[in-house]
């Protein structure tokens, strides 16, 4: 009976040793899994470096030229490209060709109205100097409208088809 008790104790000790060993290994496994999970759990990030853009996109390049005191005909439409969060845009007339109309008229006869939606109005010299527009003034789509007129009565204009060619530019000011 003493031998049987020793065998039971030996079996029990062996079982307990295996149990403790397995428990320790299982604990180490859980700890290593947890540490691995913690090392892999974290913030994931997507990154982009968007370059600053500044310019003009032509939406509708064909407007109608008015004569007289009113800007009552079809406008051209431009989108001002400016993706810098703060700052302003200098909009100016870079060059202009008035065709046959230019020969008998001075620069103050050619007038432009720009709706940002705030309205600006001036002659060629005014627009060649440019207007600084704060980005906050623009609509969310950043579209502006430009209307043109010649400050003479239409009856005084030479007969024929008149074409005005304009080159506008925008400069981003930070």
N, C-alpha and C. Protein backbone atom coordinates (compact mmCIF):
# COMPACT_ATOMS: atom_id res chain seq x y z
N UNK A 1 0.81 -1.17 0.00
CA UNK A 1 0.00 0.00 0.00
C UNK A 1 0.86 1.24 0.00
N UNK A 2 1.95 1.21 0.65
CA UNK A 2 2.87 2.34 0.64
C UNK A 2 3.37 2.55 -0.75
N UNK A 3 3.60 1.46 -1.47
CA UNK A 3 4.09 1.57 -2.84
C UNK A 3 3.00 2.18 -3.71
N UNK A 4 1.79 1.79 -3.47
CA UNK A 4 0.69 2.31 -4.27
C UNK A 4 0.52 3.81 -3.97
N UNK A 5 0.69 4.19 -2.74
CA UNK A 5 0.60 5.61 -2.36
C UNK A 5 1.71 6.41 -2.99
N UNK A 6 2.91 5.81 -3.07
CA UNK A 6 4.03 6.50 -3.72
C UNK A 6 3.76 6.66 -5.21
N UNK A 7 3.16 5.63 -5.83
CA UNK A 7 2.86 5.71 -7.27
C UNK A 7 1.83 6.80 -7.52
N UNK A 8 0.83 6.86 -6.65
CA UNK A 8 -0.19 7.90 -6.82
C UNK A 8 0.45 9.27 -6.64
N UNK A 9 1.30 9.39 -5.61
CA UNK A 9 1.97 10.66 -5.37
C UNK A 9 2.86 10.99 -6.54
N UNK A 10 3.57 9.98 -7.05
CA UNK A 10 4.45 10.19 -8.19
C UNK A 10 3.64 10.58 -9.42
N UNK A 11 2.52 9.89 -9.65
CA UNK A 11 1.66 10.24 -10.78
C UNK A 11 1.08 11.64 -10.60
N UNK A 12 0.65 11.90 -9.38
CA UNK A 12 0.08 13.21 -9.09
C UNK A 12 1.13 14.30 -9.26
N UNK A 13 2.35 14.07 -8.79
CA UNK A 13 3.43 15.03 -8.93
C UNK A 13 3.77 15.24 -10.40
N UNK A 14 3.82 14.12 -11.14
CA UNK A 14 4.10 14.21 -12.56
C UNK A 14 2.99 15.00 -13.27
N UNK A 15 1.73 14.70 -12.91
CA UNK A 15 0.59 15.41 -13.51
C UNK A 15 0.67 16.89 -13.16
N UNK A 16 0.97 17.18 -11.89
CA UNK A 16 1.05 18.57 -11.45
C UNK A 16 2.21 19.29 -12.14
N UNK A 17 3.34 18.62 -12.30
CA UNK A 17 4.48 19.22 -12.96
C UNK A 17 4.13 19.56 -14.40
N UNK A 18 3.46 18.62 -15.09
CA UNK A 18 3.05 18.88 -16.49
C UNK A 18 2.02 20.00 -16.53
N UNK A 19 1.09 19.99 -15.58
CA UNK A 19 0.06 21.01 -15.54
C UNK A 19 0.68 22.39 -15.33
N UNK A 20 1.61 22.50 -14.38
CA UNK A 20 2.27 23.76 -14.10
C UNK A 20 3.09 24.20 -15.30
N UNK A 21 3.82 23.24 -15.92
CA UNK A 21 4.61 23.57 -17.10
C UNK A 21 3.71 24.06 -18.22
N UNK A 22 2.64 23.32 -18.49
CA UNK A 22 1.71 23.72 -19.56
C UNK A 22 1.04 25.06 -19.25
N UNK A 23 0.70 25.27 -17.99
CA UNK A 23 0.09 26.53 -17.61
C UNK A 23 1.08 27.68 -17.82
N UNK A 24 2.32 27.45 -17.43
CA UNK A 24 3.35 28.49 -17.64
C UNK A 24 3.55 28.77 -19.13
N UNK A 25 3.62 27.70 -19.93
CA UNK A 25 3.78 27.89 -21.38
C UNK A 25 2.58 28.62 -21.97
N UNK A 26 1.40 28.23 -21.55
CA UNK A 26 0.18 28.87 -22.03
C UNK A 26 0.17 30.35 -21.63
N UNK A 27 0.56 30.64 -20.41
CA UNK A 27 0.63 32.02 -19.93
C UNK A 27 1.64 32.82 -20.76
N UNK A 28 2.82 32.23 -20.99
CA UNK A 28 3.82 32.90 -21.82
C UNK A 28 3.30 33.12 -23.23
N UNK A 29 2.59 32.16 -23.78
CA UNK A 29 2.01 32.28 -25.10
C UNK A 29 1.01 33.44 -25.13
N UNK A 30 0.14 33.48 -24.11
CA UNK A 30 -0.84 34.57 -24.06
C UNK A 30 -0.15 35.91 -23.91
N UNK A 31 0.86 35.97 -23.09
CA UNK A 31 1.60 37.23 -22.92
C UNK A 31 2.28 37.66 -24.21
N UNK A 32 2.89 36.71 -24.89
CA UNK A 32 3.56 37.06 -26.15
C UNK A 32 2.55 37.45 -27.20
N UNK A 33 1.39 36.80 -27.22
CA UNK A 33 0.35 37.16 -28.18
C UNK A 33 -0.18 38.55 -27.86
N UNK A 34 -0.38 38.81 -26.59
CA UNK A 34 -0.87 40.12 -26.18
C UNK A 34 0.15 41.20 -26.53
N UNK A 35 1.42 40.94 -26.27
CA UNK A 35 2.46 41.92 -26.60
C UNK A 35 2.54 42.13 -28.10
N UNK A 36 2.42 41.06 -28.85
CA UNK A 36 2.44 41.18 -30.30
C UNK A 36 1.24 41.97 -30.78
N UNK A 37 0.08 41.68 -30.19
CA UNK A 37 -1.13 42.40 -30.58
C UNK A 37 -0.99 43.87 -30.23
N UNK A 38 -0.43 44.17 -29.05
CA UNK A 38 -0.24 45.57 -28.68
C UNK A 38 0.74 46.26 -29.61
N UNK A 39 1.75 45.55 -30.04
CA UNK A 39 2.72 46.14 -30.95
C UNK A 39 2.08 46.39 -32.31
N UNK A 40 1.13 45.56 -32.70
CA UNK A 40 0.48 45.72 -34.00
C UNK A 40 -0.77 46.57 -33.92
N UNK A 41 -1.38 46.65 -32.72
CA UNK A 41 -2.53 47.53 -32.57
C UNK A 41 -2.01 48.94 -32.45
N UNK A 42 -2.55 49.82 -33.22
CA UNK A 42 -2.10 51.20 -33.16
C UNK A 42 -2.80 52.00 -34.21
N UNK A 43 -2.38 53.17 -34.32
CA UNK A 43 -2.97 54.05 -35.31
C UNK A 43 -2.40 53.76 -36.67
N UNK A 44 -3.30 53.62 -37.60
CA UNK A 44 -2.90 53.48 -39.00
C UNK A 44 -3.04 54.85 -39.64
N UNK A 45 -2.15 55.18 -40.50
CA UNK A 45 -2.14 56.53 -41.08
C UNK A 45 -2.07 56.46 -42.59
N UNK A 46 -2.81 57.34 -43.21
CA UNK A 46 -2.69 57.60 -44.64
C UNK A 46 -2.15 59.01 -44.75
N UNK A 47 -1.24 59.22 -45.63
CA UNK A 47 -0.59 60.52 -45.75
C UNK A 47 -0.62 60.96 -47.21
N UNK A 48 -0.77 62.24 -47.41
CA UNK A 48 -0.71 62.82 -48.75
C UNK A 48 -0.07 64.19 -48.65
N UNK A 49 0.74 64.51 -49.61
CA UNK A 49 1.34 65.82 -49.70
C UNK A 49 0.76 66.49 -50.94
N UNK A 50 -0.21 67.37 -50.74
CA UNK A 50 -0.90 68.03 -51.85
C UNK A 50 -0.17 69.33 -52.14
N UNK A 51 0.34 69.48 -53.35
CA UNK A 51 1.06 70.71 -53.68
C UNK A 51 0.09 71.90 -53.79
N UNK A 52 0.59 73.08 -53.50
CA UNK A 52 -0.20 74.29 -53.65
C UNK A 52 -0.49 74.52 -55.13
N UNK A 53 -1.72 74.91 -55.41
CA UNK A 53 -2.11 75.18 -56.80
C UNK A 53 -2.69 76.58 -56.89
N UNK A 54 -2.37 77.22 -57.99
CA UNK A 54 -2.86 78.57 -58.23
C UNK A 54 -3.03 78.72 -59.73
N UNK A 55 -4.19 79.19 -60.16
CA UNK A 55 -4.39 79.37 -61.59
C UNK A 55 -5.83 79.67 -61.92
N UNK A 56 -6.14 79.53 -63.20
CA UNK A 56 -7.49 79.79 -63.71
C UNK A 56 -7.91 78.61 -64.57
N UNK A 57 -9.13 78.17 -64.36
CA UNK A 57 -9.74 77.15 -65.22
C UNK A 57 -10.89 77.83 -65.96
N UNK A 58 -10.87 77.77 -67.27
CA UNK A 58 -11.93 78.39 -68.07
C UNK A 58 -13.12 77.44 -68.11
N UNK A 59 -14.26 77.95 -67.71
CA UNK A 59 -15.49 77.16 -67.73
C UNK A 59 -16.32 77.52 -68.96
N UNK A 60 -16.47 78.81 -69.21
CA UNK A 60 -17.21 79.28 -70.39
C UNK A 60 -16.43 80.46 -70.96
N UNK A 61 -15.81 80.27 -72.12
CA UNK A 61 -14.91 81.26 -72.70
C UNK A 61 -15.60 82.21 -73.68
N UNK A 62 -16.86 82.01 -73.95
CA UNK A 62 -17.55 82.82 -74.96
C UNK A 62 -18.60 83.72 -74.31
N UNK A 63 -18.24 84.98 -74.10
CA UNK A 63 -19.19 85.97 -73.60
C UNK A 63 -19.63 86.88 -74.73
N UNK A 64 -20.54 87.79 -74.41
CA UNK A 64 -21.03 88.75 -75.40
C UNK A 64 -20.61 90.15 -74.97
N UNK A 65 -20.15 90.92 -75.93
CA UNK A 65 -19.68 92.28 -75.68
C UNK A 65 -20.86 93.25 -75.75
N UNK A 66 -21.02 94.04 -74.69
CA UNK A 66 -22.10 95.03 -74.64
C UNK A 66 -21.55 96.40 -75.00
N UNK A 67 -22.43 97.27 -75.48
CA UNK A 67 -22.09 98.67 -75.76
C UNK A 67 -22.97 99.56 -74.90
N UNK A 68 -22.43 100.71 -74.49
CA UNK A 68 -23.21 101.64 -73.66
C UNK A 68 -22.83 101.53 -72.20
N UNK A 69 -23.82 101.77 -71.35
CA UNK A 69 -23.58 101.86 -69.91
C UNK A 69 -23.89 100.58 -69.13
N UNK A 70 -24.49 99.60 -69.74
CA UNK A 70 -24.95 98.40 -69.03
C UNK A 70 -24.16 97.15 -69.43
N UNK A 71 -23.94 96.29 -68.43
CA UNK A 71 -23.34 94.96 -68.65
C UNK A 71 -24.50 93.97 -68.71
N UNK A 72 -25.24 93.99 -69.79
CA UNK A 72 -26.47 93.21 -69.81
C UNK A 72 -26.42 91.97 -70.69
N UNK A 73 -25.25 91.60 -71.15
CA UNK A 73 -25.14 90.43 -72.01
C UNK A 73 -24.40 89.30 -71.30
N UNK A 74 -24.26 88.20 -72.01
CA UNK A 74 -23.70 86.97 -71.42
C UNK A 74 -22.26 87.15 -70.97
N UNK A 75 -21.95 86.58 -69.82
CA UNK A 75 -20.62 86.67 -69.20
C UNK A 75 -19.76 85.47 -69.56
N UNK A 76 -18.46 85.61 -69.33
CA UNK A 76 -17.58 84.44 -69.36
C UNK A 76 -17.46 83.96 -67.91
N UNK A 77 -17.12 82.69 -67.74
CA UNK A 77 -17.02 82.12 -66.39
C UNK A 77 -15.67 81.44 -66.23
N UNK A 78 -15.03 81.76 -65.11
CA UNK A 78 -13.73 81.18 -64.78
C UNK A 78 -13.79 80.61 -63.36
N UNK A 79 -13.00 79.59 -63.13
CA UNK A 79 -12.81 79.09 -61.77
C UNK A 79 -11.41 79.48 -61.33
N UNK A 80 -11.32 80.17 -60.22
CA UNK A 80 -10.02 80.51 -59.66
C UNK A 80 -9.52 79.30 -58.88
N UNK A 81 -8.35 78.83 -59.22
CA UNK A 81 -7.75 77.67 -58.55
C UNK A 81 -6.83 78.20 -57.46
N UNK A 82 -7.17 77.88 -56.23
CA UNK A 82 -6.38 78.34 -55.08
C UNK A 82 -6.68 77.40 -53.93
N UNK A 83 -5.80 76.44 -53.67
CA UNK A 83 -6.09 75.45 -52.63
C UNK A 83 -5.32 75.69 -51.33
N UNK A 84 -4.75 76.86 -51.18
CA UNK A 84 -4.07 77.21 -49.93
C UNK A 84 -5.15 77.69 -48.96
N UNK A 85 -5.17 77.17 -47.71
CA UNK A 85 -6.27 77.48 -46.80
C UNK A 85 -6.50 78.97 -46.55
N UNK A 86 -5.48 79.74 -46.47
CA UNK A 86 -5.64 81.18 -46.21
C UNK A 86 -4.91 81.92 -47.32
N UNK A 87 -5.19 83.18 -47.43
CA UNK A 87 -4.50 83.98 -48.43
C UNK A 87 -5.48 84.63 -49.38
N UNK A 88 -4.93 85.14 -50.44
CA UNK A 88 -5.75 85.85 -51.42
C UNK A 88 -5.21 85.60 -52.82
N UNK A 89 -5.99 86.08 -53.77
CA UNK A 89 -5.68 85.89 -55.19
C UNK A 89 -5.63 87.26 -55.84
N UNK A 90 -4.58 87.50 -56.60
CA UNK A 90 -4.49 88.72 -57.40
C UNK A 90 -5.00 88.34 -58.79
N UNK A 91 -6.12 88.92 -59.19
CA UNK A 91 -6.69 88.69 -60.52
C UNK A 91 -6.38 89.91 -61.36
N UNK A 92 -5.78 89.67 -62.52
CA UNK A 92 -5.48 90.81 -63.38
C UNK A 92 -5.52 90.42 -64.85
N UNK A 93 -5.67 91.45 -65.65
CA UNK A 93 -5.69 91.30 -67.09
C UNK A 93 -4.25 91.34 -67.58
N UNK A 94 -3.81 90.25 -68.14
CA UNK A 94 -2.42 90.14 -68.60
C UNK A 94 -2.25 90.80 -69.97
N UNK A 95 -3.17 90.53 -70.87
CA UNK A 95 -3.11 91.16 -72.20
C UNK A 95 -4.50 91.23 -72.80
N UNK A 96 -4.66 92.15 -73.72
CA UNK A 96 -5.97 92.35 -74.37
C UNK A 96 -5.76 92.78 -75.82
N UNK A 97 -6.60 92.24 -76.69
CA UNK A 97 -6.61 92.61 -78.10
C UNK A 97 -8.07 92.94 -78.44
N UNK A 98 -8.33 94.19 -78.81
CA UNK A 98 -9.69 94.63 -79.06
C UNK A 98 -10.02 94.72 -80.54
N UNK A 99 -9.13 94.25 -81.37
CA UNK A 99 -9.39 94.24 -82.81
C UNK A 99 -9.61 95.64 -83.35
N UNK A 100 -10.57 95.78 -84.25
CA UNK A 100 -10.85 97.06 -84.90
C UNK A 100 -11.34 98.13 -83.92
N UNK A 101 -11.92 97.72 -82.81
CA UNK A 101 -12.44 98.70 -81.85
C UNK A 101 -11.31 99.52 -81.21
N UNK A 102 -10.15 98.94 -81.12
CA UNK A 102 -9.04 99.59 -80.43
C UNK A 102 -8.56 100.86 -81.14
N UNK A 103 -8.71 100.92 -82.45
CA UNK A 103 -8.13 102.02 -83.22
C UNK A 103 -8.71 103.38 -82.86
N UNK A 104 -9.99 103.47 -82.59
CA UNK A 104 -10.58 104.79 -82.34
C UNK A 104 -10.91 105.06 -80.88
N UNK A 105 -10.57 104.16 -79.96
CA UNK A 105 -10.99 104.33 -78.57
C UNK A 105 -9.80 104.27 -77.61
N UNK A 106 -9.93 104.96 -76.50
CA UNK A 106 -8.88 104.90 -75.47
C UNK A 106 -9.17 103.76 -74.50
N UNK A 107 -8.20 103.45 -73.67
CA UNK A 107 -8.33 102.30 -72.76
C UNK A 107 -9.46 102.46 -71.75
N UNK A 108 -9.84 103.70 -71.42
CA UNK A 108 -10.92 103.86 -70.45
C UNK A 108 -12.30 103.56 -71.03
N UNK A 109 -12.40 103.35 -72.35
CA UNK A 109 -13.67 102.97 -72.97
C UNK A 109 -13.97 101.48 -72.80
N UNK A 110 -12.96 100.68 -72.55
CA UNK A 110 -13.14 99.23 -72.40
C UNK A 110 -13.28 98.91 -70.92
N UNK A 111 -14.42 98.37 -70.52
CA UNK A 111 -14.75 98.19 -69.11
C UNK A 111 -15.09 96.72 -68.84
N UNK A 112 -14.74 96.30 -67.63
CA UNK A 112 -15.03 94.92 -67.21
C UNK A 112 -15.65 94.93 -65.82
N UNK A 113 -16.62 94.07 -65.67
CA UNK A 113 -17.28 93.85 -64.37
C UNK A 113 -17.01 92.41 -63.97
N UNK A 114 -16.49 92.22 -62.77
CA UNK A 114 -16.18 90.88 -62.27
C UNK A 114 -16.98 90.65 -61.00
N UNK A 115 -17.77 89.57 -61.00
CA UNK A 115 -18.54 89.18 -59.82
C UNK A 115 -17.86 87.99 -59.16
N UNK A 116 -17.51 88.19 -57.87
CA UNK A 116 -16.68 87.20 -57.17
C UNK A 116 -17.47 86.31 -56.20
N UNK A 117 -18.46 86.59 -55.47
CA UNK A 117 -19.66 87.36 -55.78
C UNK A 117 -19.57 88.86 -55.50
N UNK A 118 -18.67 89.37 -54.68
CA UNK A 118 -18.53 90.82 -54.56
C UNK A 118 -18.21 91.35 -55.95
N UNK A 119 -18.74 92.51 -56.26
CA UNK A 119 -18.58 93.07 -57.61
C UNK A 119 -17.43 94.07 -57.67
N UNK A 120 -16.60 93.90 -58.72
CA UNK A 120 -15.53 94.84 -59.03
C UNK A 120 -15.78 95.34 -60.44
N UNK A 121 -15.48 96.62 -60.70
CA UNK A 121 -15.69 97.18 -62.02
C UNK A 121 -14.59 98.19 -62.31
N UNK A 122 -14.08 98.13 -63.55
CA UNK A 122 -13.04 99.09 -63.91
C UNK A 122 -12.65 98.98 -65.37
N UNK A 123 -11.80 99.93 -65.78
CA UNK A 123 -11.32 99.95 -67.16
C UNK A 123 -10.07 99.09 -67.31
N UNK A 124 -9.48 99.13 -68.47
CA UNK A 124 -8.31 98.31 -68.78
C UNK A 124 -7.16 98.56 -67.79
N UNK A 125 -6.88 99.82 -67.51
CA UNK A 125 -5.77 100.13 -66.60
C UNK A 125 -6.03 99.58 -65.20
N UNK A 126 -7.27 99.68 -64.74
CA UNK A 126 -7.64 99.13 -63.44
C UNK A 126 -7.38 97.62 -63.39
N UNK A 127 -7.78 96.91 -64.44
CA UNK A 127 -7.63 95.45 -64.45
C UNK A 127 -6.21 95.01 -64.76
N UNK A 128 -5.44 95.82 -65.45
CA UNK A 128 -4.02 95.47 -65.63
C UNK A 128 -3.26 95.58 -64.32
N UNK A 129 -3.66 96.51 -63.46
CA UNK A 129 -3.08 96.60 -62.11
C UNK A 129 -3.52 95.43 -61.26
N UNK A 130 -4.74 95.00 -61.45
CA UNK A 130 -5.25 93.83 -60.76
C UNK A 130 -6.03 94.15 -59.50
N UNK A 131 -6.76 93.16 -59.05
CA UNK A 131 -7.56 93.25 -57.84
C UNK A 131 -7.18 92.09 -56.94
N UNK A 132 -6.92 92.39 -55.68
CA UNK A 132 -6.61 91.33 -54.73
C UNK A 132 -7.91 90.88 -54.08
N UNK A 133 -8.21 89.59 -54.26
CA UNK A 133 -9.45 89.01 -53.76
C UNK A 133 -9.11 88.05 -52.63
N UNK A 134 -9.69 88.29 -51.46
CA UNK A 134 -9.48 87.39 -50.34
C UNK A 134 -10.23 86.09 -50.63
N UNK A 135 -9.61 84.98 -50.33
CA UNK A 135 -10.21 83.67 -50.62
C UNK A 135 -11.57 83.52 -49.97
N UNK A 136 -11.78 84.14 -48.81
CA UNK A 136 -13.06 84.04 -48.11
C UNK A 136 -14.19 84.71 -48.90
N UNK A 137 -13.87 85.60 -49.84
CA UNK A 137 -14.88 86.26 -50.66
C UNK A 137 -15.47 85.33 -51.72
N UNK A 138 -14.74 84.30 -52.08
CA UNK A 138 -15.17 83.42 -53.16
C UNK A 138 -16.27 82.46 -52.71
N UNK A 139 -17.12 82.08 -53.66
CA UNK A 139 -18.08 81.00 -53.39
C UNK A 139 -17.31 79.71 -53.21
N UNK A 140 -17.96 78.69 -52.70
CA UNK A 140 -17.28 77.41 -52.47
C UNK A 140 -16.75 76.80 -53.77
N UNK A 141 -17.42 77.06 -54.90
CA UNK A 141 -16.96 76.52 -56.19
C UNK A 141 -15.87 77.39 -56.82
N UNK A 142 -15.59 78.57 -56.24
CA UNK A 142 -14.56 79.50 -56.67
C UNK A 142 -14.75 79.99 -58.11
N UNK A 143 -16.01 80.02 -58.56
CA UNK A 143 -16.31 80.49 -59.92
C UNK A 143 -16.58 81.98 -59.89
N UNK A 144 -16.00 82.69 -60.85
CA UNK A 144 -16.24 84.12 -61.01
C UNK A 144 -16.83 84.36 -62.39
N UNK A 145 -17.53 85.48 -62.53
CA UNK A 145 -18.13 85.86 -63.81
C UNK A 145 -17.55 87.19 -64.25
N UNK A 146 -17.20 87.27 -65.53
CA UNK A 146 -16.65 88.51 -66.09
C UNK A 146 -17.52 88.96 -67.25
N UNK A 147 -17.95 90.21 -67.20
CA UNK A 147 -18.72 90.81 -68.28
C UNK A 147 -17.90 91.97 -68.87
N UNK A 148 -18.11 92.21 -70.16
CA UNK A 148 -17.35 93.27 -70.84
C UNK A 148 -18.30 94.21 -71.57
N UNK A 149 -17.90 95.47 -71.62
CA UNK A 149 -18.66 96.44 -72.40
C UNK A 149 -17.71 97.50 -72.94
N UNK A 150 -18.15 98.13 -74.00
CA UNK A 150 -17.43 99.27 -74.58
C UNK A 150 -18.28 100.49 -74.25
N UNK A 151 -17.65 101.46 -73.63
CA UNK A 151 -18.37 102.63 -73.12
C UNK A 151 -18.64 103.66 -74.22
N UNK A 152 -19.31 103.19 -75.26
CA UNK A 152 -19.83 104.07 -76.32
C UNK A 152 -21.18 103.49 -76.73
N UNK A 153 -22.00 104.34 -77.29
CA UNK A 153 -23.29 103.87 -77.78
C UNK A 153 -23.05 102.94 -78.97
N UNK A 154 -23.84 101.90 -79.08
CA UNK A 154 -23.66 100.93 -80.17
C UNK A 154 -23.77 101.58 -81.54
N UNK A 155 -24.55 102.65 -81.64
CA UNK A 155 -24.70 103.33 -82.93
C UNK A 155 -23.40 104.01 -83.37
N UNK A 156 -22.49 104.23 -82.43
CA UNK A 156 -21.20 104.86 -82.74
C UNK A 156 -20.11 103.83 -83.09
N UNK A 157 -20.38 102.57 -82.85
CA UNK A 157 -19.39 101.51 -83.11
C UNK A 157 -19.38 101.18 -84.60
N UNK A 158 -18.21 100.84 -85.14
CA UNK A 158 -18.16 100.45 -86.55
C UNK A 158 -18.96 99.16 -86.77
N UNK A 159 -19.61 99.09 -87.90
CA UNK A 159 -20.41 97.90 -88.23
C UNK A 159 -19.49 96.69 -88.39
N UNK A 160 -20.01 95.52 -88.10
CA UNK A 160 -19.24 94.30 -88.29
C UNK A 160 -19.20 93.44 -87.04
N UNK A 161 -18.55 92.33 -87.18
CA UNK A 161 -18.39 91.38 -86.08
C UNK A 161 -17.14 91.75 -85.29
N UNK A 162 -17.27 92.01 -84.02
CA UNK A 162 -16.14 92.44 -83.20
C UNK A 162 -15.76 91.33 -82.23
N UNK A 163 -14.47 91.10 -82.14
CA UNK A 163 -13.94 90.06 -81.26
C UNK A 163 -12.91 90.67 -80.33
N UNK A 164 -13.09 90.42 -79.04
CA UNK A 164 -12.16 90.90 -78.03
C UNK A 164 -11.45 89.67 -77.46
N UNK A 165 -10.13 89.66 -77.53
CA UNK A 165 -9.34 88.54 -76.97
C UNK A 165 -8.66 89.01 -75.70
N UNK A 166 -8.86 88.25 -74.62
CA UNK A 166 -8.32 88.63 -73.32
C UNK A 166 -7.54 87.48 -72.72
N UNK A 167 -6.52 87.83 -71.99
CA UNK A 167 -5.73 86.83 -71.27
C UNK A 167 -5.67 87.29 -69.81
N UNK A 168 -6.38 86.56 -68.94
CA UNK A 168 -6.42 86.87 -67.51
C UNK A 168 -5.44 85.96 -66.78
N UNK A 169 -4.93 86.43 -65.66
CA UNK A 169 -4.04 85.60 -64.85
C UNK A 169 -4.39 85.77 -63.37
N UNK A 170 -4.05 84.75 -62.62
CA UNK A 170 -4.22 84.85 -61.17
C UNK A 170 -2.89 84.54 -60.51
N UNK A 171 -2.59 85.29 -59.47
CA UNK A 171 -1.39 85.09 -58.68
C UNK A 171 -1.83 84.86 -57.25
N UNK A 172 -1.33 83.81 -56.64
CA UNK A 172 -1.71 83.51 -55.26
C UNK A 172 -0.80 84.25 -54.31
N UNK A 173 -1.42 84.94 -53.36
CA UNK A 173 -0.71 85.70 -52.35
C UNK A 173 -0.98 85.03 -51.01
N UNK A 174 0.07 84.74 -50.28
CA UNK A 174 -0.12 84.06 -48.98
C UNK A 174 -0.09 85.03 -47.83
